[in-house]
Every structure is written in structure tokens, then in C-alpha cells.
Amino acid sequence: MPDVTLYDTRTRSLQPFQPRDPARVGIYACGPTVYARVHVGNARPFVVFSQLKRFLEHEGYGVTLVGNITDINDKIYTAAKAAGVPSGELAAAMAKAYREDTDRIGLGRPDAEPHATEFVPQIIDLIQRLLDADAAYVAEGDVYFRVRTVENYGELSRRDVDQMDQGEGVEGADLKQDPLDFALWKAWKEGEDTSWDAPWGKGRPGWHIECSAMAEALLGVEFDIHGGGVDLVFPHHENEAAQTLAARGAPLARIWMHNGMLELVGEKMSKSLGNIRGLHEVLDEVGGEVLVLYFSSGHYRQPLAFSDERLEDAKRSAERIRDAARRLVRGESAEALRPHRDAFFAALRNDFNTAEALASLYGWIRDANRSEEAVGDADLREMLEVLGLEGLLTAPEGAPEEAKELAVQRDQARRDKDWAEADRLRDELLTMGWIVRDGADGPELVPAS
């Protein structure tokens, strides 16, 4: 198989990709905590690891991609209480919205999308294993992990153990034997509307143990790639790695990959900063293919500037690809264009550099446009399929009159600031197979697939 290298956060170096079983590569990518509608920044890991799966499959590997959904979490309880709805109801509604929003990106679904609520027995078993190994202890119904039992704790995040803050605030501080310890299980408290029975008492899992248990249940220990945003390196991934090593005597993952954050004027996009754009809003404006092109324009490990100008650049790039595709014929591409195709895949083999790969793709288009003879589309089709952009090869058909009328009605609802009606009409159009995008010249309808 071709040589592929990936950057491993733990070793801070490029590592050769050498899976234990090339036919069964496992990727676990941390998904959202479903307490609110996801913002566009939440889509970056979804895109990165969906594309990585496509690329590795192109290289001949068999790949299973797992993308979890965290539906047990303090943020969910807090948001549900503020909204006056049961926490399970809120989590289910936001998980459904997340799947609908990410469906519109056009990259398909992960092979498995476990919810934490579905894996509580496995979580309890893993905690019990840590208790049996004296790597955890019970304190008034809570269970805490003994961080100092792991010799190399801090290796992933490169932090000084004595300077670490688990981000748990004052909650449980008086129960911990060491301030560095973190919660594996939280005892039920008055007012919480969900709980599970465990040998040490009724309560609910902590965040970190959920992912360790789900990943192990679906991929085993020492699976190939654990991914997620760079903001998860500490404490989430550091703690996942530590508790699995303490329980199983083996590393959770062989390579840890982390994507950079989206930034607005030099700061991370996040709900806490109040500078977010909803994923569904951005998809309404530009569609899935343009959004995927935008994400692909930067190296996955680097922060990516988010702005209307960057989205417009991606929109122009999409049109450039569509225009080129219209002039191609089905069949093999000219041998003279092959170096661009080869450079495209060489860039992806070198730490999955989609930005450099796109430069080669645009070089292919430039030279194809200059050709005086008919050019076959095989190379372009192959490159676009790996990035999940094969839809750019198909010219969209015109929308029916019924869909156009609904788009006009939705545009009026938006002008009237009747957001509920606008969302309803958007969903009705999606059911009919059309996505409506809002632009300066009015609504535009494009096929949903």
C-alpha cells in the first residue's frame, strides 16, 4: 500500500500510518454534546474525518468511522432546565437536528454514531474495572479517577501535572483525594431528571469515561486513529487515554489526530464567546459542497479563518470546478494531466494536506481548459470523490414551480422575521429534494443530493 503519514499529537511528529489490520482500520472522532443546535465550527471534525475515511478507502484500506453523540452531560441538564423541558427530550431533539444538519453537508454518515445513553452498562463495567485496579475510588456516591496512578499522565497535552486544572470547578472538590482527580461518575442530585443505577449508587457518567467506553465497545482498545478538535486535547482526550490505559493496560489509540478551530478575527468560534454561526444557517447560504471546499482550503491541523469573503472564495472555486466539468467527456484523462492527479494524492498521503491537494486539482483544471482536444473526466472524478465533492460534476436541474413558490414564501417569512415558518418551509423544500440558499439576489434552489 502507498506510504501515508499522519501527525500524531502524542509524539508531536509525523508518523507512518501502520494499522494493525489494513482491512479493519478504526477511526473514532469525538462528536458534539447535544445541548443546542451545532455551529459551523462543529462541522470541521465531521468533514475532516469523513474525508479521511474516503481517502484511506481509496488507498485500499477497510475503514470503520465512529462519530459519537454525547447525550449525558452537565451542559444538557443546564440547558434543559433553562428551557423547561426534560433533559432527554432536549438531547434527542438536538441530536436529530445535528444529524439533519450534517446530512446536508453531503458526505454521508459515520458507520456508527453511538449515544452515551446507549452504553451506560459498558461505562459502569469500565468504571468497576478501574475501582478493582485501585485506579479509582468512591466518595459519597461519586467515583473519581486517581490521576497519579498513570505514570505518563500529561504526555498527550504536554502539560505539567501539578499545574493542571480539570475544569470541574468546585463541584466535588471536597470529595477528591487529589485536586487533579476527575469524575468518572456523578451521584444523583435533587432536581436531575435522569439517572442510572450502579453498584456504588444512583447517578450518571462523567464525560470522559463515556468516550472511552463507546470507543472500546465499537473498535476495541489500541484502535488506529482517535480524532477531534484541538480544544479536546486536554482534559478530554488526556483523560480518555489515561483511564483506558489504567483499566486495560493498553493504549486506547495508536494515533491522536486533532483539527484546528475556526476563528473570527483571531479568536476561536464558540458558543461561550457568542460569535457563532449556526451550521444550518451557513448551509442555507452556500450549501454543502461550498462548505466542504471551504474546509478543504486549509490544512486540517491549522486554525481556519471564517468570513463571508472566505465562503465567497469557496463558492467561486465550486463554480470553477462545475464550469470545467461541463467541458469534459466521460472516460480516461489525458496522460499529460496525470502529474496533477498524482500530486493531489501525494499531498493527501503527506499528513492529509487537502489545501495542497486542491492546488493540484486546480492545476489539473487549468491545463484541461487549455487543451484543444476533448478531455476525459476520470482524474477529476477520482479526486472529487475522495473529498466528497463529486456532486460538482453534475449540472443541477431546474426546480419545479411548486418548489419555487415555497422558496418565495420562505423568503417573505424571513423578511417578516417569522423564523419558525421559514424553518418549516425550508424543511418542506428539503423533503421535496431541494435546498434553498439565501443570497443578495434572492433565494436560490439547488438539488439536495
Protein backbone atom coordinates (compact mmCIF):
# COMPACT_ATOMS: atom_id res chain seq x y z
CA MET A 1 0.00 0.00 0.00
CA PRO A 2 1.17 3.59 -0.58
CA ASP A 3 3.07 5.32 2.22
CA VAL A 4 0.74 7.51 4.28
CA THR A 5 1.91 9.71 7.15
CA LEU A 6 -0.24 11.39 9.79
CA TYR A 7 0.66 13.83 12.54
CA ASP A 8 0.38 12.27 16.00
CA THR A 9 -0.38 14.76 18.77
CA ARG A 10 1.12 12.49 21.44
CA THR A 11 4.58 12.28 19.84
CA ARG A 12 4.34 15.72 18.15
CA SER A 13 5.62 14.19 14.94
CA LEU A 14 4.60 12.74 11.59
CA GLN A 15 4.13 9.01 11.93
CA PRO A 16 3.86 6.35 9.23
CA PHE A 17 0.31 5.01 9.11
CA GLN A 18 0.71 1.34 10.00
CA PRO A 19 -2.62 -0.11 11.11
CA ARG A 20 -2.72 -3.46 12.86
CA ASP A 21 -5.12 -4.76 10.23
CA PRO A 22 -5.36 -2.80 6.95
CA ALA A 23 -8.76 -4.37 6.32
CA ARG A 24 -10.14 -3.12 9.66
CA VAL A 25 -8.92 0.42 10.31
CA GLY A 26 -10.79 2.05 13.19
CA ILE A 27 -11.34 5.82 13.50
CA TYR A 28 -13.13 7.38 16.46
CA ALA A 29 -13.96 11.08 16.10
CA CYS A 30 -15.47 12.93 19.05
CA GLY A 31 -18.84 14.42 18.12
CA PRO A 32 -20.98 17.11 19.72
CA THR A 33 -22.59 17.44 23.13
CA VAL A 34 -26.19 17.92 22.09
CA TYR A 35 -27.48 20.73 24.29
CA ALA A 36 -28.03 23.23 21.44
CA ARG A 37 -28.02 23.44 17.65
CA VAL A 38 -24.45 22.95 16.40
CA HIS A 39 -22.47 25.85 14.95
CA VAL A 40 -20.44 25.73 11.75
CA GLY A 41 -17.21 25.13 13.66
CA ASN A 42 -18.63 21.85 14.98
CA ALA A 43 -18.75 20.64 11.38
CA ARG A 44 -14.99 20.77 10.83
CA PRO A 45 -14.15 17.45 12.55
CA PHE A 46 -17.19 15.87 10.86
CA VAL A 47 -15.79 16.92 7.46
CA VAL A 48 -12.13 16.14 8.22
CA PHE A 49 -12.68 12.60 9.41
CA SER A 50 -15.37 11.79 6.85
CA GLN A 51 -12.91 12.83 4.13
CA LEU A 52 -10.07 10.93 5.83
CA LYS A 53 -12.18 7.77 5.69
CA ARG A 54 -12.81 8.30 1.98
CA PHE A 55 -9.12 8.84 1.33
CA LEU A 56 -7.97 5.76 3.25
CA GLU A 57 -10.56 3.65 1.45
CA HIS A 58 -9.20 5.00 -1.84
CA GLU A 59 -5.75 3.84 -0.73
CA GLY A 60 -7.07 0.30 -0.22
CA TYR A 61 -7.86 0.21 3.49
CA GLY A 62 -11.09 -1.04 5.02
CA VAL A 63 -12.29 1.71 7.40
CA THR A 64 -14.86 1.95 10.18
CA LEU A 65 -15.61 5.52 11.25
CA VAL A 66 -17.31 6.07 14.61
CA GLY A 67 -18.65 9.51 15.48
CA ASN A 68 -20.24 9.67 18.90
CA ILE A 69 -23.01 11.89 20.25
CA THR A 70 -22.72 12.95 23.89
CA ASP A 71 -26.24 12.98 25.32
CA ILE A 72 -25.33 12.76 29.03
CA ASN A 73 -23.62 15.93 30.18
CA ASP A 74 -23.92 18.81 32.66
CA LYS A 75 -24.49 21.28 29.80
CA ILE A 76 -27.56 19.31 28.72
CA TYR A 77 -29.04 19.38 32.22
CA THR A 78 -28.44 23.12 32.50
CA ALA A 79 -29.88 23.92 29.06
CA ALA A 80 -32.91 21.69 29.59
CA LYS A 81 -33.68 23.29 32.94
CA ALA A 82 -33.47 26.77 31.39
CA ALA A 83 -35.79 25.66 28.56
CA GLY A 84 -38.23 23.97 30.91
CA VAL A 85 -38.06 20.60 29.12
CA PRO A 86 -36.81 17.14 30.18
CA SER A 87 -33.10 16.69 29.52
CA GLY A 88 -33.66 13.55 27.47
CA GLU A 89 -36.16 15.37 25.26
CA LEU A 90 -33.76 18.24 24.63
CA ALA A 91 -30.86 15.90 23.86
CA ALA A 92 -32.96 13.83 21.45
CA ALA A 93 -34.19 16.93 19.61
CA MET A 94 -30.70 18.41 19.29
CA ALA A 95 -29.21 15.06 18.19
CA LYS A 96 -31.88 14.85 15.48
CA ALA A 97 -31.09 18.41 14.37
CA TYR A 98 -27.37 17.58 14.30
CA ARG A 99 -27.93 14.58 12.04
CA GLU A 100 -30.20 16.59 9.74
CA ASP A 101 -27.72 19.47 9.52
CA THR A 102 -24.71 17.26 8.85
CA ASP A 103 -26.68 15.19 6.32
CA ARG A 104 -26.87 18.37 4.25
CA ILE A 105 -23.07 18.53 4.00
CA GLY A 106 -23.27 15.59 1.62
CA LEU A 107 -20.51 13.35 2.99
CA GLY A 108 -22.76 10.57 4.27
CA ARG A 109 -22.92 9.27 7.84
CA PRO A 110 -20.26 7.63 10.03
CA ASP A 111 -20.51 3.84 10.18
CA ALA A 112 -21.65 4.10 13.80
CA GLU A 113 -23.00 7.04 15.81
CA PRO A 114 -23.22 5.82 19.41
CA HIS A 115 -25.14 7.81 22.02
CA ALA A 116 -23.73 7.75 25.54
CA THR A 117 -27.16 6.77 26.91
CA GLU A 118 -26.95 3.54 24.90
CA PHE A 119 -23.68 2.47 26.53
CA VAL A 120 -24.22 3.01 30.26
CA PRO A 121 -23.71 -0.72 31.11
CA GLN A 122 -20.33 -0.67 29.36
CA ILE A 123 -19.45 2.59 31.12
CA ILE A 124 -20.30 1.06 34.50
CA ASP A 125 -18.20 -2.03 33.71
CA LEU A 126 -15.21 0.14 32.80
CA ILE A 127 -15.52 2.18 36.00
CA GLN A 128 -15.74 -1.04 38.03
CA ARG A 129 -12.54 -2.25 36.37
CA LEU A 130 -10.81 0.95 37.47
CA LEU A 131 -12.11 0.54 41.01
CA ASP A 132 -10.87 -3.06 41.09
CA ALA A 133 -7.44 -1.85 39.93
CA ASP A 134 -7.40 0.81 42.70
CA ALA A 135 -7.14 3.46 39.98
CA ALA A 136 -10.43 4.98 41.15
CA TYR A 137 -12.32 5.48 44.41
CA VAL A 138 -15.87 6.11 45.61
CA ALA A 139 -16.66 9.27 47.57
CA GLU A 140 -20.27 9.73 48.71
CA GLY A 141 -21.66 8.18 45.55
CA ASP A 142 -19.26 9.95 43.19
CA VAL A 143 -16.40 7.99 41.61
CA TYR A 144 -13.08 9.68 40.88
CA PHE A 145 -10.08 8.60 38.83
CA ARG A 146 -6.69 8.62 40.54
CA VAL A 147 -4.69 10.58 38.01
CA ARG A 148 -1.30 9.96 39.65
CA THR A 149 -1.65 6.21 39.12
CA VAL A 150 -0.79 6.84 35.45
CA GLU A 151 2.94 7.44 35.17
CA ASN A 152 2.86 9.33 31.88
CA TYR A 153 -0.24 11.42 32.54
CA GLY A 154 0.12 14.70 30.64
CA GLU A 155 2.05 13.10 27.77
CA LEU A 156 -0.67 13.87 25.21
CA SER A 157 -1.17 17.54 26.13
CA ARG A 158 2.43 18.17 27.23
CA ARG A 159 1.29 19.84 30.44
CA ASP A 160 2.85 19.91 33.88
CA VAL A 161 0.73 17.61 36.02
CA ASP A 162 0.90 19.90 39.04
CA GLN A 163 -0.36 22.86 37.00
CA MET A 164 -3.39 21.10 35.52
CA ASP A 165 -6.99 22.10 36.13
CA GLN A 166 -9.63 19.53 35.19
CA GLY A 167 -12.19 22.27 34.60
CA GLU A 168 -14.66 20.78 37.07
CA GLY A 169 -14.77 23.91 39.22
CA VAL A 170 -15.64 23.49 42.88
CA GLU A 171 -18.02 20.59 42.24
CA GLY A 172 -16.78 17.61 44.23
CA ALA A 173 -13.60 19.42 45.27
CA ASP A 174 -14.07 18.46 48.92
CA LEU A 175 -14.51 14.80 47.98
CA LYS A 176 -11.38 14.40 45.87
CA GLN A 177 -8.29 12.84 47.39
CA ASP A 178 -6.22 14.92 44.97
CA PRO A 179 -7.40 18.11 43.19
CA LEU A 180 -6.05 16.60 39.96
CA ASP A 181 -8.51 13.69 40.06
CA PHE A 182 -11.57 13.82 37.80
CA ALA A 183 -15.09 12.42 37.95
CA LEU A 184 -15.95 9.08 36.37
CA TRP A 185 -19.44 9.02 37.91
CA LYS A 186 -21.56 11.75 39.49
CA ALA A 187 -24.07 10.92 42.19
CA TRP A 188 -27.68 11.89 41.53
CA LYS A 189 -28.66 15.33 42.80
CA GLU A 190 -32.06 16.75 43.62
CA GLY A 191 -33.70 18.16 40.51
CA GLU A 192 -31.89 15.97 37.98
CA ASP A 193 -34.43 14.12 35.85
CA THR A 194 -32.29 11.20 34.64
CA SER A 195 -30.09 8.72 36.45
CA TRP A 196 -28.85 5.16 36.29
CA ASP A 197 -28.24 2.55 38.98
CA ALA A 198 -24.66 1.47 39.62
CA PRO A 199 -23.03 -0.67 42.35
CA TRP A 200 -21.80 2.50 44.09
CA GLY A 201 -25.11 4.36 43.83
CA LYS A 202 -27.55 6.09 41.51
CA GLY A 203 -26.15 8.78 39.22
CA ARG A 204 -24.73 9.36 35.76
CA PRO A 205 -21.39 9.02 33.96
CA GLY A 206 -18.76 11.70 33.63
CA TRP A 207 -17.93 12.99 30.17
CA HIS A 208 -14.50 11.38 29.66
CA ILE A 209 -15.44 7.81 30.60
CA GLU A 210 -18.31 7.88 28.09
CA CYS A 211 -16.00 8.15 25.08
CA SER A 212 -13.53 5.56 26.38
CA ALA A 213 -16.33 3.05 26.83
CA MET A 214 -18.01 3.75 23.49
CA ALA A 215 -14.74 3.65 21.55
CA GLU A 216 -13.67 0.40 23.18
CA ALA A 217 -17.06 -1.23 22.67
CA LEU A 218 -17.10 -0.47 18.95
CA LEU A 219 -13.41 -0.53 17.96
CA GLY A 220 -11.56 -2.32 20.76
CA VAL A 221 -8.50 -0.89 22.51
CA GLU A 222 -5.44 0.30 20.59
CA PHE A 223 -7.53 1.19 17.56
CA ASP A 224 -5.85 3.17 14.83
CA ILE A 225 -6.93 6.85 14.95
CA HIS A 226 -8.64 8.93 17.62
CA GLY A 227 -9.69 12.34 16.32
CA GLY A 228 -11.38 15.54 17.36
CA GLY A 229 -10.86 19.25 17.74
CA VAL A 230 -7.63 20.54 19.25
CA ASP A 231 -9.68 22.01 22.11
CA LEU A 232 -10.31 18.42 23.30
CA VAL A 233 -6.64 17.50 23.83
CA PHE A 234 -6.97 18.49 27.50
CA PRO A 235 -8.72 17.44 29.55
CA HIS A 236 -10.97 15.19 27.46
CA HIS A 237 -8.52 13.17 25.39
CA GLU A 238 -5.81 13.19 28.04
CA ASN A 239 -8.29 11.63 30.44
CA GLU A 240 -9.63 9.14 27.91
CA ALA A 241 -6.10 7.92 27.27
CA ALA A 242 -5.27 7.70 30.99
CA GLN A 243 -8.36 5.81 32.17
CA THR A 244 -8.22 3.25 29.34
CA LEU A 245 -4.52 2.61 29.94
CA ALA A 246 -5.18 2.17 33.66
CA ALA A 247 -8.11 -0.19 33.07
CA ARG A 248 -6.80 -2.27 30.16
CA GLY A 249 -3.02 -1.96 30.29
CA ALA A 250 -3.03 -0.91 26.64
CA PRO A 251 -3.33 2.45 24.87
CA LEU A 252 -6.75 3.50 23.68
CA ALA A 253 -5.48 4.66 20.25
CA ARG A 254 -2.31 4.41 18.21
CA ILE A 255 -2.50 7.89 16.60
CA TRP A 256 -4.21 11.00 18.00
CA MET A 257 -5.27 13.50 15.30
CA HIS A 258 -6.62 16.96 16.09
CA ASN A 259 -8.11 19.55 13.78
CA GLY A 260 -7.69 23.29 14.32
CA MET A 261 -10.52 25.62 15.26
CA LEU A 262 -12.47 28.08 13.16
CA GLU A 263 -11.51 31.65 14.03
CA LEU A 264 -13.17 35.03 13.70
CA VAL A 265 -10.69 37.93 13.84
CA GLY A 266 -8.13 35.84 15.66
CA GLU A 267 -10.41 34.17 18.19
CA LYS A 268 -11.95 30.72 18.34
CA MET A 269 -15.57 30.41 17.27
CA SER A 270 -17.60 29.17 20.24
CA LYS A 271 -20.96 29.45 21.95
CA SER A 272 -19.32 30.88 25.07
CA LEU A 273 -17.86 33.79 23.08
CA GLY A 274 -21.18 34.47 21.36
CA ASN A 275 -19.59 34.70 17.91
CA ILE A 276 -21.09 31.61 16.32
CA ARG A 277 -22.86 30.97 13.04
CA GLY A 278 -25.29 28.06 13.04
CA LEU A 279 -24.33 25.24 10.71
CA HIS A 280 -27.83 25.19 9.24
CA GLU A 281 -27.63 28.93 8.57
CA VAL A 282 -24.35 28.62 6.66
CA LEU A 283 -25.70 25.66 4.69
CA ASP A 284 -28.77 27.72 3.80
CA GLU A 285 -26.45 30.37 2.39
CA VAL A 286 -23.85 28.35 0.50
CA GLY A 287 -24.75 24.64 0.51
CA GLY A 288 -22.76 21.57 1.44
CA GLU A 289 -20.31 21.47 -1.45
CA VAL A 290 -19.14 25.04 -0.95
CA LEU A 291 -18.77 24.43 2.79
CA VAL A 292 -16.69 21.30 2.16
CA LEU A 293 -14.50 23.25 -0.28
CA TYR A 294 -14.05 25.97 2.34
CA PHE A 295 -12.97 23.45 4.99
CA SER A 296 -10.66 21.72 2.49
CA SER A 297 -8.91 25.00 1.66
CA GLY A 298 -6.85 24.86 4.87
CA HIS A 299 -4.67 22.17 6.40
CA TYR A 300 -6.76 20.31 8.97
CA ARG A 301 -4.27 20.94 11.80
CA GLN A 302 -4.24 24.71 11.37
CA PRO A 303 -6.82 27.25 12.52
CA LEU A 304 -9.10 28.35 9.70
CA ALA A 305 -10.34 31.90 9.31
CA PHE A 306 -14.10 32.13 8.90
CA SER A 307 -15.62 35.03 7.00
CA ASP A 308 -18.09 35.81 4.24
CA GLU A 309 -15.11 36.51 1.99
CA ARG A 310 -13.68 33.02 2.54
CA LEU A 311 -17.07 31.48 1.78
CA GLU A 312 -17.30 33.57 -1.41
CA ASP A 313 -13.85 32.28 -2.42
CA ALA A 314 -15.11 28.72 -1.94
CA LYS A 315 -18.26 29.50 -3.93
CA ARG A 316 -16.15 30.77 -6.84
CA SER A 317 -13.98 27.65 -6.64
CA ALA A 318 -17.08 25.45 -6.82
CA GLU A 319 -18.25 27.29 -9.94
CA ARG A 320 -14.79 26.92 -11.47
CA ILE A 321 -14.99 23.16 -10.99
CA ARG A 322 -18.55 22.99 -12.33
CA ASP A 323 -17.59 25.01 -15.40
CA ALA A 324 -14.65 22.74 -16.11
CA ALA A 325 -16.77 19.62 -15.66
CA ARG A 326 -19.24 20.79 -18.31
CA ARG A 327 -16.48 20.71 -20.93
CA LEU A 328 -15.25 17.22 -20.08
CA VAL A 329 -16.24 13.92 -21.62
CA ARG A 330 -16.64 10.62 -19.79
CA GLY A 331 -13.54 8.48 -19.91
CA GLU A 332 -9.83 8.36 -19.21
CA SER A 333 -7.97 11.63 -18.77
CA ALA A 334 -5.03 12.68 -20.90
CA GLU A 335 -1.63 11.35 -19.81
CA ALA A 336 -0.31 14.91 -19.73
CA LEU A 337 -2.69 15.71 -16.84
CA ARG A 338 -1.64 12.71 -14.77
CA PRO A 339 1.11 14.56 -12.81
CA HIS A 340 -1.56 16.84 -11.28
CA ARG A 341 -3.61 13.83 -10.21
CA ASP A 342 -0.52 12.14 -8.75
CA ALA A 343 0.45 15.32 -6.87
CA PHE A 344 -3.10 15.52 -5.47
CA PHE A 345 -2.83 12.11 -3.83
CA ALA A 346 0.77 12.67 -2.77
CA ALA A 347 -0.43 15.72 -0.82
CA LEU A 348 -3.10 13.67 0.93
CA ARG A 349 -0.59 10.96 1.80
CA ASN A 350 1.56 13.62 3.47
CA ASP A 351 -0.50 14.30 6.61
CA PHE A 352 -3.77 14.64 4.69
CA ASN A 353 -2.96 18.05 3.22
CA THR A 354 -6.22 18.95 1.47
CA ALA A 355 -5.08 22.53 0.78
CA GLU A 356 -2.08 21.34 -1.21
CA ALA A 357 -4.23 18.67 -2.88
CA LEU A 358 -6.73 21.30 -4.03
CA ALA A 359 -3.91 23.32 -5.58
CA SER A 360 -3.07 20.28 -7.71
CA LEU A 361 -6.73 19.80 -8.60
CA TYR A 362 -6.94 23.41 -9.79
CA GLY A 363 -3.74 22.88 -11.78
CA TRP A 364 -5.42 19.90 -13.48
CA ILE A 365 -8.43 22.08 -14.36
CA ARG A 366 -6.20 24.87 -15.70
CA ASP A 367 -4.37 22.55 -18.06
CA ALA A 368 -7.57 20.73 -19.06
CA ASN A 369 -9.14 24.07 -20.01
CA ARG A 370 -6.14 24.85 -22.24
CA SER A 371 -6.39 21.57 -24.11
CA GLU A 372 -7.53 21.81 -27.71
CA GLU A 373 -8.78 18.22 -27.62
CA ALA A 374 -11.62 16.61 -25.64
CA VAL A 375 -10.51 15.75 -22.11
CA GLY A 376 -11.76 12.74 -20.14
CA ASP A 377 -13.11 13.31 -16.64
CA ALA A 378 -11.68 10.24 -14.88
CA ASP A 379 -8.93 12.03 -12.94
CA LEU A 380 -11.17 14.89 -11.83
CA ARG A 381 -13.90 12.48 -10.82
CA GLU A 382 -11.45 10.43 -8.75
CA MET A 383 -10.09 13.49 -6.94
CA LEU A 384 -13.51 14.98 -6.21
CA GLU A 385 -14.93 11.69 -4.93
CA VAL A 386 -12.17 11.44 -2.31
CA LEU A 387 -13.10 14.89 -1.00
CA GLY A 388 -16.84 14.20 -1.19
CA LEU A 389 -17.35 16.75 -3.95
CA GLU A 390 -18.46 14.51 -6.81
CA GLY A 391 -21.75 16.40 -6.93
CA LEU A 392 -19.90 19.26 -8.64
CA LEU A 393 -19.64 17.06 -11.74
CA THR A 394 -23.41 17.05 -12.22
CA ALA A 395 -25.23 20.04 -13.65
CA PRO A 396 -28.25 20.85 -11.41
CA GLU A 397 -31.71 20.56 -12.92
CA GLY A 398 -34.23 23.38 -12.68
CA ALA A 399 -36.57 23.39 -9.69
CA PRO A 400 -40.31 22.77 -10.23
CA GLU A 401 -42.73 25.67 -9.89
CA GLU A 402 -44.09 24.34 -6.58
CA ALA A 403 -40.61 24.47 -5.04
CA LYS A 404 -40.00 27.95 -6.42
CA GLU A 405 -43.25 29.18 -4.82
CA LEU A 406 -42.27 27.70 -1.46
CA ALA A 407 -38.89 29.43 -1.72
CA VAL A 408 -40.64 32.76 -2.32
CA GLN A 409 -42.90 32.16 0.69
CA ARG A 410 -39.88 31.30 2.85
CA ASP A 411 -38.08 34.44 1.71
CA GLN A 412 -41.10 36.50 2.77
CA ALA A 413 -41.23 34.71 6.13
CA ARG A 414 -37.59 35.62 6.70
CA ARG A 415 -38.32 39.24 5.84
CA ASP A 416 -41.18 39.15 8.35
CA LYS A 417 -38.78 37.55 10.88
CA ASP A 418 -41.14 34.58 11.21
CA TRP A 419 -38.25 32.20 11.75
CA ALA A 420 -40.41 29.21 12.69
CA GLU A 421 -42.35 29.45 9.41
CA ALA A 422 -39.13 29.98 7.46
CA ASP A 423 -37.65 26.83 9.01
CA ARG A 424 -40.83 24.86 8.29
CA LEU A 425 -40.78 25.87 4.63
CA ARG A 426 -37.07 25.07 4.38
CA ASP A 427 -37.73 21.58 5.78
CA GLU A 428 -40.64 21.10 3.35
CA LEU A 429 -38.36 22.00 0.46
CA LEU A 430 -35.73 19.58 1.75
CA THR A 431 -38.36 16.83 1.80
CA MET A 432 -39.05 17.63 -1.87
CA GLY A 433 -35.32 17.27 -2.60
CA TRP A 434 -34.33 20.95 -2.73
CA ILE A 435 -32.05 23.11 -0.61
CA VAL A 436 -32.77 26.83 -0.53
CA ARG A 437 -29.81 29.21 -0.30
CA ASP A 438 -30.22 32.84 0.62
CA GLY A 439 -28.20 35.33 -1.41
CA ALA A 440 -28.17 39.01 -2.29
CA ASP A 441 -30.23 38.28 -5.41
CA GLY A 442 -32.89 36.33 -3.54
CA PRO A 443 -33.37 32.61 -2.79
CA GLU A 444 -31.66 30.00 -4.95
CA LEU A 445 -32.80 26.36 -5.15
CA VAL A 446 -30.29 23.57 -5.63
CA PRO A 447 -30.76 19.77 -5.50
CA ALA A 448 -30.30 18.24 -2.07
CA SER A 449 -28.13 15.47 -3.45
